[in-house]
Amino acid sequence: MKNYSDLDVVDYKIMEILQKNARTPISKISQKVAMSQPSVKERISKLEEQKIILSYNTVLNPDKLDKGVTAFILFKTEKCQSFIEFCKDSKEVSELHRISGDFNYLIKVQTISIETLADFQDSLTEYGSSKSLISMKNHIESRLVF
């Protein structure tokens, strides 16, 4: 099995191309990395087998789907398992991170309005306390930096 340190410049270039657009054809990737299409396909397959590439996702425009308000909520709870289940069932939650510090969790929430954000935050009170931070603008989309 290939070790993370065994990845080469070509592997990183392939991952960078796929991260920008997972629908990039093998033919175009092979041109950009100066390798044959079968070689590129084999490298991608190996990256998938090694669980370095986990999935291919579609990025949706939250503004077009009435989810234009993005907030990050710092949350402190002693009811971790029930809180996690609540978040898994909440359509407003797009990410949930266990964190260190004064708060246990960081929640990324996307809603239609500030009012629905407030309603969501009110629904959290039975699990613990929270502090919200509203995103004004996202300057860098989700990405992995190499």
N, C-alpha and C. Protein backbone atom coordinates (compact mmCIF):
# COMPACT_ATOMS: atom_id res chain seq x y z
N MET A 1 0.85 -1.20 0.00
CA MET A 1 0.00 0.00 0.00
C MET A 1 0.88 1.25 0.00
N LYS A 2 0.49 2.21 -0.78
CA LYS A 2 1.25 3.44 -0.91
C LYS A 2 1.09 4.28 0.35
N ASN A 3 2.19 4.76 0.86
CA ASN A 3 2.20 5.63 2.02
C ASN A 3 1.95 7.06 1.57
N TYR A 4 1.38 7.89 2.44
CA TYR A 4 1.12 9.29 2.10
C TYR A 4 2.39 9.97 1.60
N SER A 5 3.52 9.64 2.22
CA SER A 5 4.78 10.25 1.81
C SER A 5 5.25 9.75 0.45
N ASP A 6 4.66 8.66 -0.07
CA ASP A 6 5.02 8.12 -1.37
C ASP A 6 4.32 8.82 -2.53
N LEU A 7 3.40 9.72 -2.24
CA LEU A 7 2.73 10.45 -3.30
C LEU A 7 3.73 11.34 -4.00
N ASP A 8 3.62 11.44 -5.31
CA ASP A 8 4.56 12.29 -6.04
C ASP A 8 3.86 13.52 -6.59
N VAL A 9 4.62 14.34 -7.30
CA VAL A 9 4.11 15.59 -7.85
C VAL A 9 2.92 15.35 -8.78
N VAL A 10 2.96 14.28 -9.54
CA VAL A 10 1.87 13.97 -10.47
C VAL A 10 0.59 13.63 -9.70
N ASP A 11 0.71 12.84 -8.62
CA ASP A 11 -0.45 12.52 -7.80
C ASP A 11 -1.10 13.79 -7.26
N TYR A 12 -0.28 14.71 -6.76
CA TYR A 12 -0.81 15.96 -6.22
C TYR A 12 -1.46 16.81 -7.31
N LYS A 13 -0.88 16.83 -8.49
CA LYS A 13 -1.46 17.59 -9.59
C LYS A 13 -2.81 17.00 -9.99
N ILE A 14 -2.89 15.69 -10.06
CA ILE A 14 -4.16 15.02 -10.39
C ILE A 14 -5.21 15.36 -9.33
N MET A 15 -4.84 15.29 -8.05
CA MET A 15 -5.79 15.60 -6.98
C MET A 15 -6.23 17.06 -7.05
N GLU A 16 -5.31 17.95 -7.36
CA GLU A 16 -5.65 19.36 -7.47
C GLU A 16 -6.65 19.60 -8.60
N ILE A 17 -6.42 18.97 -9.74
CA ILE A 17 -7.33 19.10 -10.89
C ILE A 17 -8.72 18.57 -10.52
N LEU A 18 -8.76 17.39 -9.91
CA LEU A 18 -10.05 16.79 -9.54
C LEU A 18 -10.77 17.59 -8.47
N GLN A 19 -10.00 18.19 -7.56
CA GLN A 19 -10.63 18.97 -6.51
C GLN A 19 -11.28 20.23 -7.08
N LYS A 20 -10.67 20.81 -8.09
CA LYS A 20 -11.26 21.99 -8.74
C LYS A 20 -12.49 21.63 -9.55
N ASN A 21 -12.43 20.45 -10.21
CA ASN A 21 -13.57 19.99 -11.00
C ASN A 21 -13.49 18.47 -11.13
N ALA A 22 -14.28 17.78 -10.35
CA ALA A 22 -14.25 16.31 -10.33
C ALA A 22 -14.74 15.71 -11.64
N ARG A 23 -15.33 16.51 -12.50
CA ARG A 23 -15.83 16.01 -13.79
C ARG A 23 -14.82 16.22 -14.92
N THR A 24 -13.61 16.64 -14.58
CA THR A 24 -12.58 16.83 -15.61
C THR A 24 -12.32 15.49 -16.29
N PRO A 25 -12.40 15.45 -17.61
CA PRO A 25 -12.17 14.18 -18.31
C PRO A 25 -10.73 13.70 -18.14
N ILE A 26 -10.57 12.38 -18.13
CA ILE A 26 -9.24 11.76 -18.03
C ILE A 26 -8.33 12.30 -19.13
N SER A 27 -8.87 12.51 -20.31
CA SER A 27 -8.06 13.01 -21.44
C SER A 27 -7.45 14.37 -21.12
N LYS A 28 -8.24 15.24 -20.49
CA LYS A 28 -7.73 16.58 -20.14
C LYS A 28 -6.71 16.49 -19.01
N ILE A 29 -6.98 15.64 -18.02
CA ILE A 29 -6.01 15.46 -16.92
C ILE A 29 -4.69 14.93 -17.48
N SER A 30 -4.78 13.96 -18.37
CA SER A 30 -3.56 13.37 -18.93
C SER A 30 -2.73 14.42 -19.68
N GLN A 31 -3.39 15.34 -20.36
CA GLN A 31 -2.67 16.42 -21.04
C GLN A 31 -1.97 17.33 -20.03
N LYS A 32 -2.68 17.66 -18.96
CA LYS A 32 -2.12 18.60 -17.96
C LYS A 32 -0.95 18.01 -17.19
N VAL A 33 -0.94 16.68 -17.01
CA VAL A 33 0.16 16.05 -16.26
C VAL A 33 1.16 15.35 -17.18
N ALA A 34 0.95 15.44 -18.48
CA ALA A 34 1.84 14.84 -19.49
C ALA A 34 2.04 13.35 -19.26
N MET A 35 0.92 12.64 -19.12
CA MET A 35 0.93 11.18 -18.97
C MET A 35 -0.15 10.61 -19.86
N SER A 36 -0.06 9.32 -20.13
CA SER A 36 -1.09 8.66 -20.94
C SER A 36 -2.38 8.56 -20.14
N GLN A 37 -3.49 8.44 -20.85
CA GLN A 37 -4.79 8.30 -20.19
C GLN A 37 -4.85 7.04 -19.32
N PRO A 38 -4.37 5.88 -19.78
CA PRO A 38 -4.40 4.70 -18.91
C PRO A 38 -3.58 4.89 -17.62
N SER A 39 -2.45 5.58 -17.72
CA SER A 39 -1.62 5.83 -16.53
C SER A 39 -2.34 6.73 -15.54
N VAL A 40 -3.00 7.76 -16.04
CA VAL A 40 -3.76 8.66 -15.17
C VAL A 40 -4.92 7.92 -14.53
N LYS A 41 -5.64 7.13 -15.32
CA LYS A 41 -6.76 6.37 -14.79
C LYS A 41 -6.29 5.42 -13.69
N GLU A 42 -5.15 4.78 -13.89
CA GLU A 42 -4.59 3.87 -12.88
C GLU A 42 -4.21 4.62 -11.61
N ARG A 43 -3.62 5.79 -11.75
CA ARG A 43 -3.27 6.59 -10.58
C ARG A 43 -4.51 7.00 -9.79
N ILE A 44 -5.54 7.43 -10.50
CA ILE A 44 -6.78 7.82 -9.83
C ILE A 44 -7.39 6.61 -9.11
N SER A 45 -7.40 5.48 -9.75
CA SER A 45 -7.92 4.25 -9.13
C SER A 45 -7.16 3.91 -7.86
N LYS A 46 -5.84 4.05 -7.90
CA LYS A 46 -5.02 3.77 -6.70
C LYS A 46 -5.31 4.77 -5.59
N LEU A 47 -5.49 6.03 -5.94
CA LEU A 47 -5.83 7.04 -4.93
C LEU A 47 -7.19 6.74 -4.30
N GLU A 48 -8.11 6.22 -5.09
CA GLU A 48 -9.42 5.82 -4.57
C GLU A 48 -9.29 4.59 -3.68
N GLU A 49 -8.55 3.59 -4.12
CA GLU A 49 -8.36 2.36 -3.34
C GLU A 49 -7.70 2.65 -1.99
N GLN A 50 -6.78 3.60 -1.97
CA GLN A 50 -6.06 3.95 -0.75
C GLN A 50 -6.87 4.88 0.15
N LYS A 51 -8.06 5.22 -0.30
CA LYS A 51 -8.95 6.12 0.46
C LYS A 51 -8.35 7.52 0.61
N ILE A 52 -7.51 7.91 -0.34
CA ILE A 52 -7.03 9.30 -0.38
C ILE A 52 -8.10 10.14 -1.06
N ILE A 53 -8.64 9.65 -2.17
CA ILE A 53 -9.84 10.24 -2.76
C ILE A 53 -11.02 9.47 -2.18
N LEU A 54 -11.85 10.18 -1.42
CA LEU A 54 -12.96 9.53 -0.73
C LEU A 54 -14.25 9.56 -1.53
N SER A 55 -14.49 10.66 -2.24
CA SER A 55 -15.73 10.78 -3.00
C SER A 55 -15.63 11.92 -3.98
N TYR A 56 -16.63 12.01 -4.83
CA TYR A 56 -16.76 13.11 -5.77
C TYR A 56 -18.08 13.79 -5.44
N ASN A 57 -18.02 15.11 -5.24
CA ASN A 57 -19.19 15.83 -4.76
C ASN A 57 -19.65 16.90 -5.73
N THR A 58 -20.90 17.23 -5.60
CA THR A 58 -21.48 18.34 -6.33
C THR A 58 -21.54 19.54 -5.39
N VAL A 59 -21.07 20.68 -5.84
CA VAL A 59 -21.13 21.90 -5.04
C VAL A 59 -22.37 22.66 -5.48
N LEU A 60 -23.25 22.91 -4.54
CA LEU A 60 -24.51 23.61 -4.82
C LEU A 60 -24.40 25.07 -4.42
N ASN A 61 -25.17 25.92 -5.07
CA ASN A 61 -25.19 27.34 -4.75
C ASN A 61 -26.25 27.58 -3.68
N PRO A 62 -25.83 27.86 -2.43
CA PRO A 62 -26.81 28.04 -1.36
C PRO A 62 -27.78 29.19 -1.59
N ASP A 63 -27.32 30.25 -2.25
CA ASP A 63 -28.20 31.40 -2.53
C ASP A 63 -29.39 31.01 -3.41
N LYS A 64 -29.15 30.13 -4.36
CA LYS A 64 -30.21 29.70 -5.28
C LYS A 64 -31.17 28.70 -4.63
N LEU A 65 -30.77 28.17 -3.47
CA LEU A 65 -31.58 27.15 -2.79
C LEU A 65 -32.13 27.65 -1.46
N ASP A 66 -32.26 28.95 -1.34
CA ASP A 66 -32.78 29.58 -0.12
C ASP A 66 -32.00 29.15 1.13
N LYS A 67 -30.69 29.10 0.99
CA LYS A 67 -29.80 28.80 2.13
C LYS A 67 -28.68 29.84 2.15
N GLY A 68 -29.04 31.09 1.91
CA GLY A 68 -28.05 32.16 1.74
C GLY A 68 -27.41 32.68 3.01
N VAL A 69 -27.95 32.33 4.17
CA VAL A 69 -27.35 32.76 5.43
C VAL A 69 -26.50 31.62 5.98
N THR A 70 -25.22 31.88 6.12
CA THR A 70 -24.30 30.89 6.67
C THR A 70 -23.80 31.40 8.02
N ALA A 71 -23.85 30.52 9.01
CA ALA A 71 -23.36 30.88 10.34
C ALA A 71 -22.56 29.71 10.91
N PHE A 72 -21.68 30.07 11.82
CA PHE A 72 -20.91 29.07 12.56
C PHE A 72 -21.32 29.24 14.01
N ILE A 73 -21.70 28.14 14.61
CA ILE A 73 -22.17 28.19 16.00
C ILE A 73 -21.21 27.41 16.86
N LEU A 74 -20.67 28.09 17.86
CA LEU A 74 -19.86 27.43 18.87
C LEU A 74 -20.83 26.87 19.90
N PHE A 75 -20.66 25.60 20.25
CA PHE A 75 -21.65 24.95 21.12
C PHE A 75 -20.98 24.19 22.25
N LYS A 76 -21.56 24.32 23.44
CA LYS A 76 -21.06 23.62 24.63
C LYS A 76 -22.18 22.76 25.19
N THR A 77 -21.88 21.46 25.35
CA THR A 77 -22.90 20.53 25.83
C THR A 77 -22.28 19.42 26.64
N GLU A 78 -23.08 18.83 27.50
CA GLU A 78 -22.71 17.59 28.20
C GLU A 78 -23.54 16.43 27.66
N LYS A 79 -24.47 16.75 26.75
CA LYS A 79 -25.34 15.75 26.14
C LYS A 79 -24.86 15.46 24.72
N CYS A 80 -23.61 15.04 24.60
CA CYS A 80 -22.97 14.93 23.29
C CYS A 80 -23.72 14.04 22.31
N GLN A 81 -24.06 12.83 22.71
CA GLN A 81 -24.67 11.90 21.76
C GLN A 81 -26.03 12.37 21.27
N SER A 82 -26.87 12.86 22.17
CA SER A 82 -28.19 13.34 21.73
C SER A 82 -28.04 14.61 20.89
N PHE A 83 -27.06 15.44 21.21
CA PHE A 83 -26.79 16.63 20.42
C PHE A 83 -26.34 16.26 19.01
N ILE A 84 -25.45 15.28 18.89
CA ILE A 84 -24.98 14.83 17.57
C ILE A 84 -26.15 14.30 16.76
N GLU A 85 -27.00 13.50 17.37
CA GLU A 85 -28.17 12.96 16.66
C GLU A 85 -29.10 14.08 16.20
N PHE A 86 -29.30 15.07 17.07
CA PHE A 86 -30.13 16.23 16.70
C PHE A 86 -29.55 16.91 15.46
N CYS A 87 -28.24 17.13 15.45
CA CYS A 87 -27.59 17.79 14.31
C CYS A 87 -27.69 16.96 13.03
N LYS A 88 -27.54 15.64 13.16
CA LYS A 88 -27.65 14.76 11.98
C LYS A 88 -29.04 14.86 11.36
N ASP A 89 -30.05 15.07 12.19
CA ASP A 89 -31.43 15.15 11.72
C ASP A 89 -31.86 16.55 11.28
N SER A 90 -31.02 17.55 11.53
CA SER A 90 -31.38 18.94 11.21
C SER A 90 -30.90 19.32 9.82
N LYS A 91 -31.84 19.72 8.98
CA LYS A 91 -31.50 20.07 7.59
C LYS A 91 -30.67 21.35 7.51
N GLU A 92 -30.64 22.13 8.56
CA GLU A 92 -29.85 23.37 8.56
C GLU A 92 -28.36 23.12 8.75
N VAL A 93 -28.01 21.98 9.34
CA VAL A 93 -26.61 21.69 9.67
C VAL A 93 -25.90 21.09 8.46
N SER A 94 -24.84 21.77 8.00
CA SER A 94 -24.06 21.24 6.87
C SER A 94 -22.74 20.63 7.34
N GLU A 95 -22.25 21.02 8.52
CA GLU A 95 -21.03 20.44 9.09
C GLU A 95 -21.12 20.47 10.60
N LEU A 96 -20.51 19.47 11.22
CA LEU A 96 -20.42 19.43 12.68
C LEU A 96 -19.02 18.94 13.04
N HIS A 97 -18.30 19.76 13.79
CA HIS A 97 -16.92 19.45 14.17
C HIS A 97 -16.81 19.38 15.69
N ARG A 98 -16.12 18.37 16.19
CA ARG A 98 -15.75 18.30 17.60
C ARG A 98 -14.50 19.14 17.73
N ILE A 99 -14.47 20.07 18.68
CA ILE A 99 -13.35 20.98 18.81
C ILE A 99 -12.83 21.01 20.25
N SER A 100 -11.68 21.60 20.42
CA SER A 100 -11.12 21.78 21.76
C SER A 100 -11.41 23.20 22.23
N GLY A 101 -11.21 23.45 23.50
CA GLY A 101 -11.42 24.79 24.04
C GLY A 101 -12.66 24.86 24.90
N ASP A 102 -13.18 26.07 25.07
CA ASP A 102 -14.34 26.29 25.93
C ASP A 102 -15.62 25.66 25.39
N PHE A 103 -15.71 25.49 24.08
CA PHE A 103 -16.87 24.88 23.45
C PHE A 103 -16.49 23.49 22.95
N ASN A 104 -17.48 22.55 22.92
CA ASN A 104 -17.23 21.18 22.45
C ASN A 104 -17.31 21.06 20.94
N TYR A 105 -18.19 21.85 20.31
CA TYR A 105 -18.51 21.65 18.90
C TYR A 105 -18.54 22.98 18.15
N LEU A 106 -18.28 22.86 16.85
CA LEU A 106 -18.47 23.95 15.91
C LEU A 106 -19.44 23.44 14.85
N ILE A 107 -20.55 24.15 14.67
CA ILE A 107 -21.58 23.76 13.72
C ILE A 107 -21.59 24.78 12.59
N LYS A 108 -21.60 24.28 11.35
CA LYS A 108 -21.84 25.16 10.21
C LYS A 108 -23.29 25.00 9.84
N VAL A 109 -24.01 26.12 9.82
CA VAL A 109 -25.45 26.12 9.59
C VAL A 109 -25.75 27.01 8.39
N GLN A 110 -26.68 26.55 7.54
CA GLN A 110 -27.12 27.34 6.40
C GLN A 110 -28.64 27.42 6.43
N THR A 111 -29.14 28.67 6.43
CA THR A 111 -30.59 28.89 6.52
C THR A 111 -31.03 29.93 5.50
N ILE A 112 -32.34 30.11 5.41
CA ILE A 112 -32.92 31.07 4.47
C ILE A 112 -32.82 32.51 4.98
N SER A 113 -32.81 32.68 6.32
CA SER A 113 -32.83 34.04 6.88
C SER A 113 -32.24 34.06 8.28
N ILE A 114 -32.02 35.26 8.76
CA ILE A 114 -31.54 35.43 10.14
C ILE A 114 -32.60 34.90 11.12
N GLU A 115 -33.86 35.08 10.78
CA GLU A 115 -34.94 34.61 11.65
C GLU A 115 -34.92 33.09 11.79
N THR A 116 -34.72 32.38 10.67
CA THR A 116 -34.67 30.92 10.76
C THR A 116 -33.40 30.46 11.47
N LEU A 117 -32.33 31.24 11.34
CA LEU A 117 -31.11 30.94 12.11
C LEU A 117 -31.40 31.08 13.60
N ALA A 118 -32.10 32.14 13.97
CA ALA A 118 -32.45 32.35 15.38
C ALA A 118 -33.34 31.21 15.89
N ASP A 119 -34.30 30.78 15.07
CA ASP A 119 -35.15 29.66 15.46
C ASP A 119 -34.33 28.39 15.66
N PHE A 120 -33.39 28.15 14.76
CA PHE A 120 -32.53 26.98 14.90
C PHE A 120 -31.72 27.07 16.19
N GLN A 121 -31.14 28.23 16.43
CA GLN A 121 -30.33 28.38 17.64
C GLN A 121 -31.19 28.22 18.90
N ASP A 122 -32.42 28.68 18.86
CA ASP A 122 -33.34 28.48 19.99
C ASP A 122 -33.59 26.99 20.22
N SER A 123 -33.65 26.20 19.14
CA SER A 123 -33.91 24.76 19.28
C SER A 123 -32.73 24.02 19.89
N LEU A 124 -31.58 24.66 19.95
CA LEU A 124 -30.39 24.04 20.54
C LEU A 124 -30.36 24.15 22.06
N THR A 125 -31.14 25.05 22.63
CA THR A 125 -31.01 25.36 24.06
C THR A 125 -31.20 24.16 24.98
N GLU A 126 -31.99 23.18 24.57
CA GLU A 126 -32.18 22.00 25.43
C GLU A 126 -30.92 21.13 25.54
N TYR A 127 -29.97 21.35 24.63
CA TYR A 127 -28.74 20.55 24.63
C TYR A 127 -27.56 21.26 25.28
N GLY A 128 -27.61 22.59 25.37
CA GLY A 128 -26.51 23.33 25.96
C GLY A 128 -26.53 24.78 25.55
N SER A 129 -25.36 25.41 25.59
CA SER A 129 -25.27 26.83 25.28
C SER A 129 -24.49 27.06 23.99
N SER A 130 -24.77 28.20 23.36
CA SER A 130 -24.15 28.46 22.06
C SER A 130 -23.79 29.92 21.88
N LYS A 131 -22.94 30.13 20.89
CA LYS A 131 -22.55 31.47 20.47
C LYS A 131 -22.47 31.42 18.94
N SER A 132 -23.15 32.34 18.26
CA SER A 132 -23.16 32.29 16.80
C SER A 132 -22.27 33.36 16.18
N LEU A 133 -21.72 32.99 15.03
CA LEU A 133 -20.90 33.88 14.22
C LEU A 133 -21.46 33.81 12.81
N ILE A 134 -21.92 34.93 12.28
CA ILE A 134 -22.54 34.93 10.96
C ILE A 134 -21.48 35.25 9.91
N SER A 135 -21.44 34.44 8.87
CA SER A 135 -20.50 34.65 7.77
C SER A 135 -20.99 35.79 6.90
N MET A 136 -20.16 36.76 6.70
CA MET A 136 -20.51 37.91 5.85
C MET A 136 -20.18 37.61 4.39
N LYS A 137 -19.07 36.89 4.15
CA LYS A 137 -18.65 36.56 2.79
C LYS A 137 -17.62 35.44 2.87
N ASN A 138 -17.73 34.50 1.94
CA ASN A 138 -16.77 33.40 1.86
C ASN A 138 -15.76 33.74 0.77
N HIS A 139 -14.52 33.94 1.17
CA HIS A 139 -13.48 34.31 0.21
C HIS A 139 -12.78 33.10 -0.40
N ILE A 140 -12.77 31.97 0.32
CA ILE A 140 -12.12 30.76 -0.18
C ILE A 140 -13.08 29.60 0.04
N GLU A 141 -13.51 28.98 -1.06
CA GLU A 141 -14.40 27.81 -0.99
C GLU A 141 -13.66 26.66 -0.36
N SER A 142 -14.38 25.69 0.08
CA SER A 142 -13.81 24.50 0.70
C SER A 142 -12.73 23.89 -0.20
N ARG A 143 -11.55 23.71 0.35
CA ARG A 143 -10.46 23.11 -0.43
C ARG A 143 -9.42 22.53 0.51
N LEU A 144 -8.64 21.63 -0.02
CA LEU A 144 -7.52 21.07 0.70
C LEU A 144 -6.26 21.68 0.12
N VAL A 145 -5.46 22.28 0.97
CA VAL A 145 -4.27 22.97 0.51
C VAL A 145 -3.10 21.99 0.51
N PHE A 146 -2.39 21.91 -0.61
CA PHE A 146 -1.22 21.03 -0.72
C PHE A 146 0.03 21.83 -0.50
